[in-house]
PDB file of N, CA and C in Angstrom:
ATOM      1  N   MET A   1      18.632  -6.581  10.262  1.00  0.00           N
ATOM      2  CA  MET A   1      18.053  -6.998   8.976  1.00  0.00           C
ATOM      3  C   MET A   1      16.822  -7.830   9.276  1.00  0.00           C
ATOM      4  N   PRO A   2      15.721  -7.530   8.586  1.00  0.00           N
ATOM      5  CA  PRO A   2      14.462  -8.260   8.846  1.00  0.00           C
ATOM      6  C   PRO A   2      14.363  -9.662   8.249  1.00  0.00           C
ATOM      7  N   VAL A   3      15.288 -10.554   8.531  1.00  0.00           N
ATOM      8  CA  VAL A   3      15.175 -11.925   7.999  1.00  0.00           C
ATOM      9  C   VAL A   3      13.978 -12.611   8.592  1.00  0.00           C
ATOM     10  N   GLY A   4      13.309 -13.316   7.818  1.00  0.00           N
ATOM     11  CA  GLY A   4      12.221 -14.151   8.305  1.00  0.00           C
ATOM     12  C   GLY A   4      10.953 -14.090   7.536  1.00  0.00           C
ATOM     13  N   GLU A   5       9.840 -14.453   8.236  1.00  0.00           N
ATOM     14  CA  GLU A   5       8.522 -14.464   7.602  1.00  0.00           C
ATOM     15  C   GLU A   5       7.664 -13.427   8.219  1.00  0.00           C
ATOM     16  N   TYR A   6       6.918 -12.792   7.355  1.00  0.00           N
ATOM     17  CA  TYR A   6       5.878 -11.792   7.804  1.00  0.00           C
ATOM     18  C   TYR A   6       4.515 -12.209   7.232  1.00  0.00           C
ATOM     19  N   THR A   7       3.589 -12.538   8.161  1.00  0.00           N
ATOM     20  CA  THR A   7       2.300 -12.957   7.711  1.00  0.00           C
ATOM     21  C   THR A   7       1.278 -11.775   7.826  1.00  0.00           C
ATOM     22  N   SER A   8       0.524 -11.588   6.669  1.00  0.00           N
ATOM     23  CA  SER A   8      -0.483 -10.549   6.722  1.00  0.00           C
ATOM     24  C   SER A   8      -1.513 -10.787   7.826  1.00  0.00           C
ATOM     25  N   PRO A   9      -2.114  -9.723   8.386  1.00  0.00           N
ATOM     26  CA  PRO A   9      -3.017  -9.897   9.456  1.00  0.00           C
ATOM     27  C   PRO A   9      -4.246 -10.842   9.064  1.00  0.00           C
ATOM     28  N   ASP A  10      -4.624 -10.927   7.799  1.00  0.00           N
ATOM     29  CA  ASP A  10      -5.694 -11.806   7.416  1.00  0.00           C
ATOM     30  C   ASP A  10      -5.228 -13.238   7.217  1.00  0.00           C
ATOM     31  N   GLY A  11      -3.892 -13.482   7.283  1.00  0.00           N
ATOM     32  CA  GLY A  11      -3.358 -14.815   7.085  1.00  0.00           C
ATOM     33  C   GLY A  11      -3.223 -15.240   5.672  1.00  0.00           C
ATOM     34  N   GLN A  12      -3.559 -14.414   4.680  1.00  0.00           N
ATOM     35  CA  GLN A  12      -3.536 -14.866   3.302  1.00  0.00           C
ATOM     36  C   GLN A  12      -2.155 -14.796   2.627  1.00  0.00           C
ATOM     37  N   LEU A  13      -1.273 -13.933   3.147  1.00  0.00           N
ATOM     38  CA  LEU A  13       0.032 -13.747   2.481  1.00  0.00           C
ATOM     39  C   LEU A  13       1.152 -13.880   3.512  1.00  0.00           C
ATOM     40  N   ARG A  14       2.278 -14.549   3.033  1.00  0.00           N
ATOM     41  CA  ARG A  14       3.509 -14.574   3.828  1.00  0.00           C
ATOM     42  C   ARG A  14       4.621 -14.020   3.000  1.00  0.00           C
ATOM     43  N   LEU A  15       5.229 -12.937   3.465  1.00  0.00           N
ATOM     44  CA  LEU A  15       6.402 -12.387   2.828  1.00  0.00           C
ATOM     45  C   LEU A  15       7.624 -12.995   3.440  1.00  0.00           C
ATOM     46  N   LEU A  16       8.472 -13.567   2.603  1.00  0.00           N
ATOM     47  CA  LEU A  16       9.765 -14.151   3.117  1.00  0.00           C
ATOM     48  C   LEU A  16      10.859 -13.253   2.734  1.00  0.00           C
ATOM     49  N   VAL A  17      11.770 -13.088   3.741  1.00  0.00           N
ATOM     50  CA  VAL A  17      13.004 -12.297   3.544  1.00  0.00           C
ATOM     51  C   VAL A  17      14.124 -13.237   3.849  1.00  0.00           C
ATOM     52  N   ILE A  18      14.884 -13.622   2.876  1.00  0.00           N
ATOM     53  CA  ILE A  18      15.968 -14.608   3.010  1.00  0.00           C
ATOM     54  C   ILE A  18      17.288 -14.106   2.420  1.00  0.00           C
ATOM     55  N   CYS A  19      18.306 -14.699   2.741  1.00  0.00           N
ATOM     56  CA  CYS A  19      19.625 -14.332   2.202  1.00  0.00           C
ATOM     57  C   CYS A  19      20.512 -15.520   1.858  1.00  0.00           C
ATOM     58  N   PRO A  20      20.055 -16.294   0.845  1.00  0.00           N
ATOM     59  CA  PRO A  20      20.901 -17.406   0.454  1.00  0.00           C
ATOM     60  C   PRO A  20      22.169 -16.966  -0.268  1.00  0.00           C
ATOM     61  N   ASP A  21      23.279 -17.470   0.207  1.00  0.00           N
ATOM     62  CA  ASP A  21      24.524 -17.123  -0.409  1.00  0.00           C
ATOM     63  C   ASP A  21      24.840 -15.637  -0.495  1.00  0.00           C
ATOM     64  N   GLY A  22      24.365 -14.866   0.469  1.00  0.00           N
ATOM     65  CA  GLY A  22      24.569 -13.401   0.494  1.00  0.00           C
ATOM     66  C   GLY A  22      23.715 -12.580  -0.438  1.00  0.00           C
ATOM     67  N   ASP A  23      22.706 -13.253  -1.070  1.00  0.00           N
ATOM     68  CA  ASP A  23      21.828 -12.462  -1.935  1.00  0.00           C
ATOM     69  C   ASP A  23      20.459 -12.294  -1.276  1.00  0.00           C
ATOM     70  N   TRP A  24      20.241 -11.055  -0.779  1.00  0.00           N
ATOM     71  CA  TRP A  24      18.942 -10.780  -0.146  1.00  0.00           C
ATOM     72  C   TRP A  24      17.793 -10.885  -1.090  1.00  0.00           C
ATOM     73  N   THR A  25      16.793 -11.697  -0.775  1.00  0.00           N
ATOM     74  CA  THR A  25      15.717 -11.997  -1.648  1.00  0.00           C
ATOM     75  C   THR A  25      14.393 -11.836  -0.827  1.00  0.00           C
ATOM     76  N   LEU A  26      13.394 -11.145  -1.399  1.00  0.00           N
ATOM     77  CA  LEU A  26      12.127 -10.942  -0.800  1.00  0.00           C
ATOM     78  C   LEU A  26      11.045 -11.348  -1.718  1.00  0.00           C
ATOM     79  N   GLY A  27      10.092 -12.157  -1.276  1.00  0.00           N
ATOM     80  CA  GLY A  27       8.915 -12.580  -2.147  1.00  0.00           C
ATOM     81  C   GLY A  27       7.857 -13.228  -1.298  1.00  0.00           C
ATOM     82  N   PHE A  28       6.704 -13.461  -1.911  1.00  0.00           N
ATOM     83  CA  PHE A  28       5.637 -14.048  -1.248  1.00  0.00           C
ATOM     84  C   PHE A  28       5.679 -15.585  -1.317  1.00  0.00           C
ATOM     85  N   ASP A  29       5.518 -16.222  -0.257  1.00  0.00           N
ATOM     86  CA  ASP A  29       5.701 -17.692  -0.180  1.00  0.00           C
ATOM     87  C   ASP A  29       4.706 -18.378  -1.144  1.00  0.00           C
ATOM     88  N   GLY A  30       5.232 -19.256  -1.989  1.00  0.00           N
ATOM     89  CA  GLY A  30       4.422 -20.052  -2.914  1.00  0.00           C
ATOM     90  C   GLY A  30       4.135 -19.380  -4.229  1.00  0.00           C
ATOM     91  N   PHE A  31       4.729 -18.206  -4.490  1.00  0.00           N
ATOM     92  CA  PHE A  31       4.520 -17.391  -5.744  1.00  0.00           C
ATOM     93  C   PHE A  31       5.789 -17.056  -6.444  1.00  0.00           C
ATOM     94  N   PRO A  32       5.825 -16.932  -7.722  1.00  0.00           N
ATOM     95  CA  PRO A  32       7.079 -16.704  -8.435  1.00  0.00           C
ATOM     96  C   PRO A  32       7.727 -15.300  -8.270  1.00  0.00           C
ATOM     97  N   TRP A  33       6.828 -14.301  -8.080  1.00  0.00           N
ATOM     98  CA  TRP A  33       7.447 -12.944  -8.024  1.00  0.00           C
ATOM     99  C   TRP A  33       8.371 -12.846  -6.783  1.00  0.00           C
ATOM    100  N   HIS A  34       9.512 -12.095  -7.035  1.00  0.00           N
ATOM    101  CA  HIS A  34      10.453 -11.743  -5.908  1.00  0.00           C
ATOM    102  C   HIS A  34      11.247 -10.549  -6.367  1.00  0.00           C
ATOM    103  N   THR A  35      11.892  -9.983  -5.437  1.00  0.00           N
ATOM    104  CA  THR A  35      12.841  -8.908  -5.702  1.00  0.00           C
ATOM    105  C   THR A  35      14.123  -9.108  -4.840  1.00  0.00           C
ATOM    106  N   HIS A  36      15.089  -8.312  -5.062  1.00  0.00           N
ATOM    107  CA  HIS A  36      16.364  -8.501  -4.378  1.00  0.00           C
ATOM    108  C   HIS A  36      16.709  -7.232  -3.627  1.00  0.00           C
ATOM    109  N   GLY A  37      17.439  -7.420  -2.544  1.00  0.00           N
ATOM    110  CA  GLY A  37      17.890  -6.232  -1.766  1.00  0.00           C
ATOM    111  C   GLY A  37      18.771  -5.291  -2.613  1.00  0.00           C
ATOM    112  N   SER A  38      19.496  -5.841  -3.508  1.00  0.00           N
ATOM    113  CA  SER A  38      20.406  -5.006  -4.385  1.00  0.00           C
ATOM    114  C   SER A  38      19.529  -4.112  -5.326  1.00  0.00           C
ATOM    115  N   ILE A  39      18.453  -4.656  -5.767  1.00  0.00           N
ATOM    116  CA  ILE A  39      17.510  -3.861  -6.657  1.00  0.00           C
ATOM    117  C   ILE A  39      16.855  -2.782  -5.827  1.00  0.00           C
ATOM    118  N   LEU A  40      16.356  -3.120  -4.643  1.00  0.00           N
ATOM    119  CA  LEU A  40      15.694  -2.102  -3.784  1.00  0.00           C
ATOM    120  C   LEU A  40      16.741  -1.017  -3.454  1.00  0.00           C
ATOM    121  N   ALA A  41      17.956  -1.391  -3.163  1.00  0.00           N
ATOM    122  CA  ALA A  41      19.022  -0.417  -2.881  1.00  0.00           C
ATOM    123  C   ALA A  41      19.298   0.507  -4.007  1.00  0.00           C
ATOM    124  N   SER A  42      19.379  -0.061  -5.215  1.00  0.00           N
ATOM    125  CA  SER A  42      19.619   0.718  -6.386  1.00  0.00           C
ATOM    126  C   SER A  42      18.518   1.678  -6.717  1.00  0.00           C
ATOM    127  N   LEU A  43      17.307   1.220  -6.578  1.00  0.00           N
ATOM    128  CA  LEU A  43      16.097   2.091  -6.862  1.00  0.00           C
ATOM    129  C   LEU A  43      15.944   3.218  -5.848  1.00  0.00           C
ATOM    130  N   SER A  44      16.369   2.954  -4.589  1.00  0.00           N
ATOM    131  CA  SER A  44      16.124   3.945  -3.531  1.00  0.00           C
ATOM    132  C   SER A  44      17.359   4.839  -3.280  1.00  0.00           C
ATOM    133  N   GLY A  45      18.502   4.365  -3.711  1.00  0.00           N
ATOM    134  CA  GLY A  45      19.721   5.084  -3.344  1.00  0.00           C
ATOM    135  C   GLY A  45      20.171   4.870  -1.988  1.00  0.00           C
ATOM    136  N   LYS A  46      19.677   3.854  -1.313  1.00  0.00           N
ATOM    137  CA  LYS A  46      20.045   3.552   0.134  1.00  0.00           C
ATOM    138  C   LYS A  46      20.868   2.283   0.114  1.00  0.00           C
ATOM    139  N   ASP A  47      21.463   1.987   1.229  1.00  0.00           N
ATOM    140  CA  ASP A  47      22.177   0.724   1.323  1.00  0.00           C
ATOM    141  C   ASP A  47      21.148  -0.377   1.423  1.00  0.00           C
ATOM    142  N   GLU A  48      21.578  -1.647   1.202  1.00  0.00           N
ATOM    143  CA  GLU A  48      20.639  -2.748   1.093  1.00  0.00           C
ATOM    144  C   GLU A  48      19.796  -2.927   2.407  1.00  0.00           C
ATOM    145  N   GLU A  49      20.469  -2.862   3.542  1.00  0.00           N
ATOM    146  CA  GLU A  49      19.775  -3.072   4.826  1.00  0.00           C
ATOM    147  C   GLU A  49      18.655  -2.037   5.028  1.00  0.00           C
ATOM    148  N   THR A  50      18.970  -0.828   4.749  1.00  0.00           N
ATOM    149  CA  THR A  50      17.963   0.281   4.943  1.00  0.00           C
ATOM    150  C   THR A  50      16.837   0.106   3.904  1.00  0.00           C
ATOM    151  N   ALA A  51      17.250  -0.230   2.599  1.00  0.00           N
ATOM    152  CA  ALA A  51      16.249  -0.367   1.546  1.00  0.00           C
ATOM    153  C   ALA A  51      15.250  -1.483   1.861  1.00  0.00           C
ATOM    154  N   ILE A  52      15.765  -2.614   2.420  1.00  0.00           N
ATOM    155  CA  ILE A  52      14.971  -3.802   2.797  1.00  0.00           C
ATOM    156  C   ILE A  52      14.034  -3.432   3.985  1.00  0.00           C
ATOM    157  N   ASN A  53      14.663  -2.841   4.980  1.00  0.00           N
ATOM    158  CA  ASN A  53      13.851  -2.426   6.086  1.00  0.00           C
ATOM    159  C   ASN A  53      12.746  -1.503   5.716  1.00  0.00           C
ATOM    160  N   ASP A  54      13.005  -0.525   4.858  1.00  0.00           N
ATOM    161  CA  ASP A  54      11.966   0.466   4.411  1.00  0.00           C
ATOM    162  C   ASP A  54      10.948  -0.190   3.645  1.00  0.00           C
ATOM    163  N   PHE A  55      11.302  -1.107   2.692  1.00  0.00           N
ATOM    164  CA  PHE A  55      10.330  -1.874   1.859  1.00  0.00           C
ATOM    165  C   PHE A  55       9.375  -2.658   2.696  1.00  0.00           C
ATOM    166  N   VAL A  56       9.906  -3.432   3.705  1.00  0.00           N
ATOM    167  CA  VAL A  56       9.037  -4.187   4.610  1.00  0.00           C
ATOM    168  C   VAL A  56       8.100  -3.289   5.393  1.00  0.00           C
ATOM    169  N   ALA A  57       8.698  -2.231   5.978  1.00  0.00           N
ATOM    170  CA  ALA A  57       7.865  -1.282   6.737  1.00  0.00           C
ATOM    171  C   ALA A  57       6.778  -0.670   5.933  1.00  0.00           C
ATOM    172  N   ASP A  58       7.098  -0.227   4.662  1.00  0.00           N
ATOM    173  CA  ASP A  58       6.042   0.410   3.812  1.00  0.00           C
ATOM    174  C   ASP A  58       5.046  -0.643   3.456  1.00  0.00           C
ATOM    175  N   LEU A  59       5.431  -1.887   3.235  1.00  0.00           N
ATOM    176  CA  LEU A  59       4.409  -2.853   2.895  1.00  0.00           C
ATOM    177  C   LEU A  59       3.550  -3.101   4.038  1.00  0.00           C
ATOM    178  N   LYS A  60       4.025  -3.323   5.216  1.00  0.00           N
ATOM    179  CA  LYS A  60       3.191  -3.630   6.407  1.00  0.00           C
ATOM    180  C   LYS A  60       2.341  -2.451   6.832  1.00  0.00           C
ATOM    181  N   SER A  61       2.735  -1.202   6.565  1.00  0.00           N
ATOM    182  CA  SER A  61       2.006  -0.035   6.971  1.00  0.00           C
ATOM    183  C   SER A  61       0.906   0.318   5.921  1.00  0.00           C
ATOM    184  N   GLY A  62       0.874  -0.368   4.819  1.00  0.00           N
ATOM    185  CA  GLY A  62      -0.192  -0.098   3.876  1.00  0.00           C
ATOM    186  C   GLY A  62       0.219   0.965   2.824  1.00  0.00           C
ATOM    187  N   GLU A  63       1.532   1.332   2.716  1.00  0.00           N
ATOM    188  CA  GLU A  63       1.952   2.266   1.778  1.00  0.00           C
ATOM    189  C   GLU A  63       2.232   1.718   0.386  1.00  0.00           C
ATOM    190  N   ARG A  64       2.271   0.447   0.303  1.00  0.00           N
ATOM    191  CA  ARG A  64       2.539  -0.264  -0.928  1.00  0.00           C
ATOM    192  C   ARG A  64       1.326  -1.143  -1.274  1.00  0.00           C
ATOM    193  N   VAL A  65       0.996  -1.174  -2.577  1.00  0.00           N
ATOM    194  CA  VAL A  65      -0.173  -1.952  -3.063  1.00  0.00           C
ATOM    195  C   VAL A  65       0.293  -3.366  -3.522  1.00  0.00           C
ATOM    196  N   ILE A  66      -0.462  -4.301  -3.176  1.00  0.00           N
ATOM    197  CA  ILE A  66      -0.156  -5.729  -3.546  1.00  0.00           C
ATOM    198  C   ILE A  66      -1.118  -6.135  -4.656  1.00  0.00           C
ATOM    199  N   ALA A  67      -0.562  -6.642  -5.739  1.00  0.00           N
ATOM    200  CA  ALA A  67      -1.356  -7.152  -6.900  1.00  0.00           C
ATOM    201  C   ALA A  67      -1.486  -8.637  -6.729  1.00  0.00           C
ATOM    202  N   MET A  68      -2.699  -9.172  -7.036  1.00  0.00           N
ATOM    203  CA  MET A  68      -2.907 -10.602  -6.965  1.00  0.00           C
ATOM    204  C   MET A  68      -3.525 -11.012  -8.333  1.00  0.00           C
ATOM    205  N   LYS A  69      -2.845 -11.911  -9.100  1.00  0.00           N
ATOM    206  CA  LYS A  69      -3.377 -12.369 -10.315  1.00  0.00           C
ATOM    207  C   LYS A  69      -4.006 -13.732 -10.081  1.00  0.00           C
ATOM    208  N   ARG A  70      -5.262 -13.869 -10.559  1.00  0.00           N
ATOM    209  CA  ARG A  70      -5.969 -15.116 -10.485  1.00  0.00           C
ATOM    210  C   ARG A  70      -6.179 -15.716 -11.820  1.00  0.00           C
ATOM    211  N   ILE A  71      -6.047 -17.006 -11.948  1.00  0.00           N
ATOM    212  CA  ILE A  71      -6.375 -17.704 -13.203  1.00  0.00           C
ATOM    213  C   ILE A  71      -7.331 -18.877 -12.830  1.00  0.00           C
ATOM    214  N   SER A  72      -8.482 -18.817 -13.410  1.00  0.00           N
ATOM    215  CA  SER A  72      -9.533 -19.722 -13.132  1.00  0.00           C
ATOM    216  C   SER A  72      -9.877 -19.664 -11.603  1.00  0.00           C
ATOM    217  N   GLY A  73      -9.811 -18.540 -11.014  1.00  0.00           N
ATOM    218  CA  GLY A  73     -10.195 -18.344  -9.636  1.00  0.00           C
ATOM    219  C   GLY A  73      -9.076 -18.627  -8.573  1.00  0.00           C
ATOM    220  N   SER A  74      -7.966 -19.186  -9.059  1.00  0.00           N
ATOM    221  CA  SER A  74      -6.848 -19.561  -8.144  1.00  0.00           C
ATOM    222  C   SER A  74      -5.774 -18.479  -8.261  1.00  0.00           C
ATOM    223  N   VAL A  75      -5.187 -18.101  -7.096  1.00  0.00           N
ATOM    224  CA  VAL A  75      -4.117 -17.152  -7.147  1.00  0.00           C
ATOM    225  C   VAL A  75      -2.916 -17.742  -7.842  1.00  0.00           C
ATOM    226  N   ALA A  76      -2.433 -17.059  -8.875  1.00  0.00           N
ATOM    227  CA  ALA A  76      -1.293 -17.543  -9.685  1.00  0.00           C
ATOM    228  C   ALA A  76      -0.062 -16.764  -9.335  1.00  0.00           C
ATOM    229  N   ASP A  77      -0.165 -15.503  -8.969  1.00  0.00           N
ATOM    230  CA  ASP A  77       0.977 -14.711  -8.606  1.00  0.00           C
ATOM    231  C   ASP A  77       0.508 -13.555  -7.730  1.00  0.00           C
ATOM    232  N   VAL A  78       1.522 -13.151  -6.896  1.00  0.00           N
ATOM    233  CA  VAL A  78       1.293 -12.022  -6.002  1.00  0.00           C
ATOM    234  C   VAL A  78       2.526 -11.156  -6.011  1.00  0.00           C
ATOM    235  N   TRP A  79       2.454  -9.856  -6.182  1.00  0.00           N
ATOM    236  CA  TRP A  79       3.615  -8.992  -6.180  1.00  0.00           C
ATOM    237  C   TRP A  79       3.260  -7.577  -5.644  1.00  0.00           C
ATOM    238  N   VAL A  80       4.281  -6.895  -5.334  1.00  0.00           N
ATOM    239  CA  VAL A  80       4.090  -5.437  -4.880  1.00  0.00           C
ATOM    240  C   VAL A  80       4.217  -4.648  -6.153  1.00  0.00           C
ATOM    241  N   THR A  81       3.226  -3.873  -6.339  1.00  0.00           N
ATOM    242  CA  THR A  81       3.170  -3.069  -7.656  1.00  0.00           C
ATOM    243  C   THR A  81       3.353  -1.570  -7.407  1.00  0.00           C
ATOM    244  N   ASP A  82       4.002  -0.924  -8.353  1.00  0.00           N
ATOM    245  CA  ASP A  82       4.219   0.521  -8.288  1.00  0.00           C
ATOM    246  C   ASP A  82       3.168   1.164  -9.140  1.00  0.00           C
ATOM    247  N   ASP A  83       2.464   0.362 -10.041  1.00  0.00           N
ATOM    248  CA  ASP A  83       1.477   0.980 -10.869  1.00  0.00           C
ATOM    249  C   ASP A  83       0.297   0.035 -11.103  1.00  0.00           C
ATOM    250  N   PRO A  84      -0.639   0.008 -10.200  1.00  0.00           N
ATOM    251  CA  PRO A  84      -1.777  -1.004 -10.305  1.00  0.00           C
ATOM    252  C   PRO A  84      -2.581  -0.725 -11.571  1.00  0.00           C
ATOM    253  N   ALA A  85      -2.760   0.445 -12.044  1.00  0.00           N
ATOM    254  CA  ALA A  85      -3.576   0.689 -13.230  1.00  0.00           C
ATOM    255  C   ALA A  85      -2.802   0.070 -14.470  1.00  0.00           C
ATOM    256  N   ASP A  86      -1.543   0.174 -14.558  1.00  0.00           N
ATOM    257  CA  ASP A  86      -0.817  -0.480 -15.654  1.00  0.00           C
ATOM    258  C   ASP A  86      -0.874  -2.000 -15.543  1.00  0.00           C
ATOM    259  N   ASP A  87      -0.747  -2.541 -14.302  1.00  0.00           N
ATOM    260  CA  ASP A  87      -0.868  -4.005 -14.182  1.00  0.00           C
ATOM    261  C   ASP A  87      -2.269  -4.476 -14.605  1.00  0.00           C
ATOM    262  N   LEU A  88      -3.346  -3.736 -14.257  1.00  0.00           N
ATOM    263  CA  LEU A  88      -4.622  -4.093 -14.659  1.00  0.00           C
ATOM    264  C   LEU A  88      -4.812  -4.036 -16.210  1.00  0.00           C
ATOM    265  N   ALA A  89      -4.320  -2.934 -16.774  1.00  0.00           N
ATOM    266  CA  ALA A  89      -4.424  -2.794 -18.287  1.00  0.00           C
ATOM    267  C   ALA A  89      -3.682  -3.883 -18.999  1.00  0.00           C
ATOM    268  N   SER A  90      -2.501  -4.257 -18.474  1.00  0.00           N
ATOM    269  CA  SER A  90      -1.714  -5.294 -19.098  1.00  0.00           C
ATOM    270  C   SER A  90      -2.442  -6.671 -19.028  1.00  0.00           C
ATOM    271  N   SER A  91      -3.022  -6.948 -17.843  1.00  0.00           N
ATOM    272  CA  SER A  91      -3.735  -8.179 -17.685  1.00  0.00           C
ATOM    273  C   SER A  91      -4.973  -8.205 -18.618  1.00  0.00           C
ATOM    274  N   GLN A  92      -5.642  -7.152 -18.806  1.00  0.00           N
ATOM    275  CA  GLN A  92      -6.835  -7.140 -19.631  1.00  0.00           C
ATOM    276  C   GLN A  92      -6.419  -7.262 -21.079  1.00  0.00           C
ATOM    277  N   LYS A  93      -5.258  -6.718 -21.472  1.00  0.00           N
ATOM    278  CA  LYS A  93      -4.800  -6.763 -22.883  1.00  0.00           C
ATOM    279  C   LYS A  93      -4.118  -8.065 -23.227  1.00  0.00           C
ATOM    280  N   TYR A  94      -3.264  -8.572 -22.328  1.00  0.00           N
ATOM    281  CA  TYR A  94      -2.454  -9.716 -22.638  1.00  0.00           C
ATOM    282  C   TYR A  94      -2.800 -11.022 -21.843  1.00  0.00           C
ATOM    283  N   GLY A  95      -3.630 -10.890 -20.844  1.00  0.00           N
ATOM    284  CA  GLY A  95      -3.875 -12.013 -19.942  1.00  0.00           C
ATOM    285  C   GLY A  95      -4.772 -13.057 -20.576  1.00  0.00           C
ATOM    286  N   LEU A  96      -4.810 -14.139 -19.988  1.00  0.00           N
ATOM    287  CA  LEU A  96      -5.682 -15.249 -20.375  1.00  0.00           C
ATOM    288  C   LEU A  96      -7.160 -14.888 -20.247  1.00  0.00           C
ATOM    289  N   ASP A  97      -8.019 -15.577 -20.940  1.00  0.00           N
ATOM    290  CA  ASP A  97      -9.489 -15.302 -20.876  1.00  0.00           C
ATOM    291  C   ASP A  97     -10.005 -15.431 -19.430  1.00  0.00           C
ATOM    292  N   ASP A  98      -9.468 -16.340 -18.639  1.00  0.00           N
ATOM    293  CA  ASP A  98      -9.879 -16.585 -17.256  1.00  0.00           C
ATOM    294  C   ASP A  98      -9.023 -15.949 -16.207  1.00  0.00           C
ATOM    295  N   GLU A  99      -8.264 -14.935 -16.643  1.00  0.00           N
ATOM    296  CA  GLU A  99      -7.370 -14.217 -15.759  1.00  0.00           C
ATOM    297  C   GLU A  99      -8.051 -12.978 -15.158  1.00  0.00           C
ATOM    298  N   SER A 100      -7.839 -12.766 -13.861  1.00  0.00           N
ATOM    299  CA  SER A 100      -8.412 -11.488 -13.255  1.00  0.00           C
ATOM    300  C   SER A 100      -7.383 -10.981 -12.281  1.00  0.00           C
ATOM    301  N   MET A 101      -7.499  -9.695 -11.905  1.00  0.00           N
ATOM    302  CA  MET A 101      -6.594  -9.003 -11.089  1.00  0.00           C
ATOM    303  C   MET A 101      -7.336  -8.441  -9.904  1.00  0.00           C
ATOM    304  N   GLU A 102      -6.713  -8.525  -8.696  1.00  0.00           N
ATOM    305  CA  GLU A 102      -7.160  -7.852  -7.506  1.00  0.00           C
ATOM    306  C   GLU A 102      -6.041  -7.117  -6.899  1.00  0.00           C
ATOM    307  N   PHE A 103      -6.376  -6.060  -6.200  1.00  0.00           N
ATOM    308  CA  PHE A 103      -5.375  -5.280  -5.495  1.00  0.00           C
ATOM    309  C   PHE A 103      -5.771  -5.016  -4.131  1.00  0.00           C
ATOM    310  N   ARG A 104      -4.818  -5.087  -3.233  1.00  0.00           N
ATOM    311  CA  ARG A 104      -5.073  -4.977  -1.788  1.00  0.00           C
ATOM    312  C   ARG A 104      -3.896  -4.387  -1.071  1.00  0.00           C
ATOM    313  N   LEU A 105      -4.101  -4.100   0.194  1.00  0.00           N
ATOM    314  CA  LEU A 105      -3.013  -3.687   1.088  1.00  0.00           C
ATOM    315  C   LEU A 105      -2.655  -4.814   1.938  1.00  0.00           C
ATOM    316  N   TRP A 106      -1.597  -4.750   2.710  1.00  0.00           N
ATOM    317  CA  TRP A 106      -1.112  -5.769   3.591  1.00  0.00           C
ATOM    318  C   TRP A 106      -2.213  -6.285   4.581  1.00  0.00           C
ATOM    319  N   ASP A 107      -3.066  -5.342   5.069  1.00  0.00           N
ATOM    320  CA  ASP A 107      -4.044  -5.694   6.043  1.00  0.00           C
ATOM    321  C   ASP A 107      -5.285  -6.316   5.429  1.00  0.00           C
ATOM    322  N   GLY A 108      -5.333  -6.461   4.108  1.00  0.00           N
ATOM    323  CA  GLY A 108      -6.442  -7.114   3.419  1.00  0.00           C
ATOM    324  C   GLY A 108      -7.411  -6.141   2.789  1.00  0.00           C
ATOM    325  N   SER A 109      -7.243  -4.839   3.080  1.00  0.00           N
ATOM    326  CA  SER A 109      -8.107  -3.827   2.521  1.00  0.00           C
ATOM    327  C   SER A 109      -8.042  -3.850   0.983  1.00  0.00           C
ATOM    328  N   VAL A 110      -9.202  -3.793   0.397  1.00  0.00           N
ATOM    329  CA  VAL A 110      -9.236  -3.796  -1.139  1.00  0.00           C
ATOM    330  C   VAL A 110      -8.832  -2.393  -1.620  1.00  0.00           C
ATOM    331  N   VAL A 111      -8.075  -2.455  -2.722  1.00  0.00           N
ATOM    332  CA  VAL A 111      -7.723  -1.177  -3.384  1.00  0.00           C
ATOM    333  C   VAL A 111      -8.470  -1.223  -4.719  1.00  0.00           C
ATOM    334  N   LYS A 112      -9.274  -0.193  -4.988  1.00  0.00           N
ATOM    335  CA  LYS A 112      -9.996  -0.101  -6.230  1.00  0.00           C
ATOM    336  C   LYS A 112      -9.164   0.569  -7.278  1.00  0.00           C
ATOM    337  N   VAL A 113      -9.072  -0.006  -8.434  1.00  0.00           N
ATOM    338  CA  VAL A 113      -8.247   0.535  -9.558  1.00  0.00           C
ATOM    339  C   VAL A 113      -9.234   0.815 -10.664  1.00  0.00           C
TER     340      VAL A 113
END
């Protein structure tokens, strides 16, 4: 099981994989978004260990897109998105006036939406 911290090559993000009280939790250090191993397993049809390993491997290999929400220029949340275009549209429709969205890969490459 990939317990621990994974730091992006550019040093901007740290993914934490922890298991407090038997509940596998994955999220970016310092930000509210997170997911659980049980959710990843349910969505993938795999056992938790395999689902978590696959999620981390896909993230690190650049197969998953990371969304970054900024408010007044400061990063307010970071999450792995399945639909960047929908996240962008929601931010534009419902976000604060000073809210912006950026999309990237684990290695820091910009994803245009």
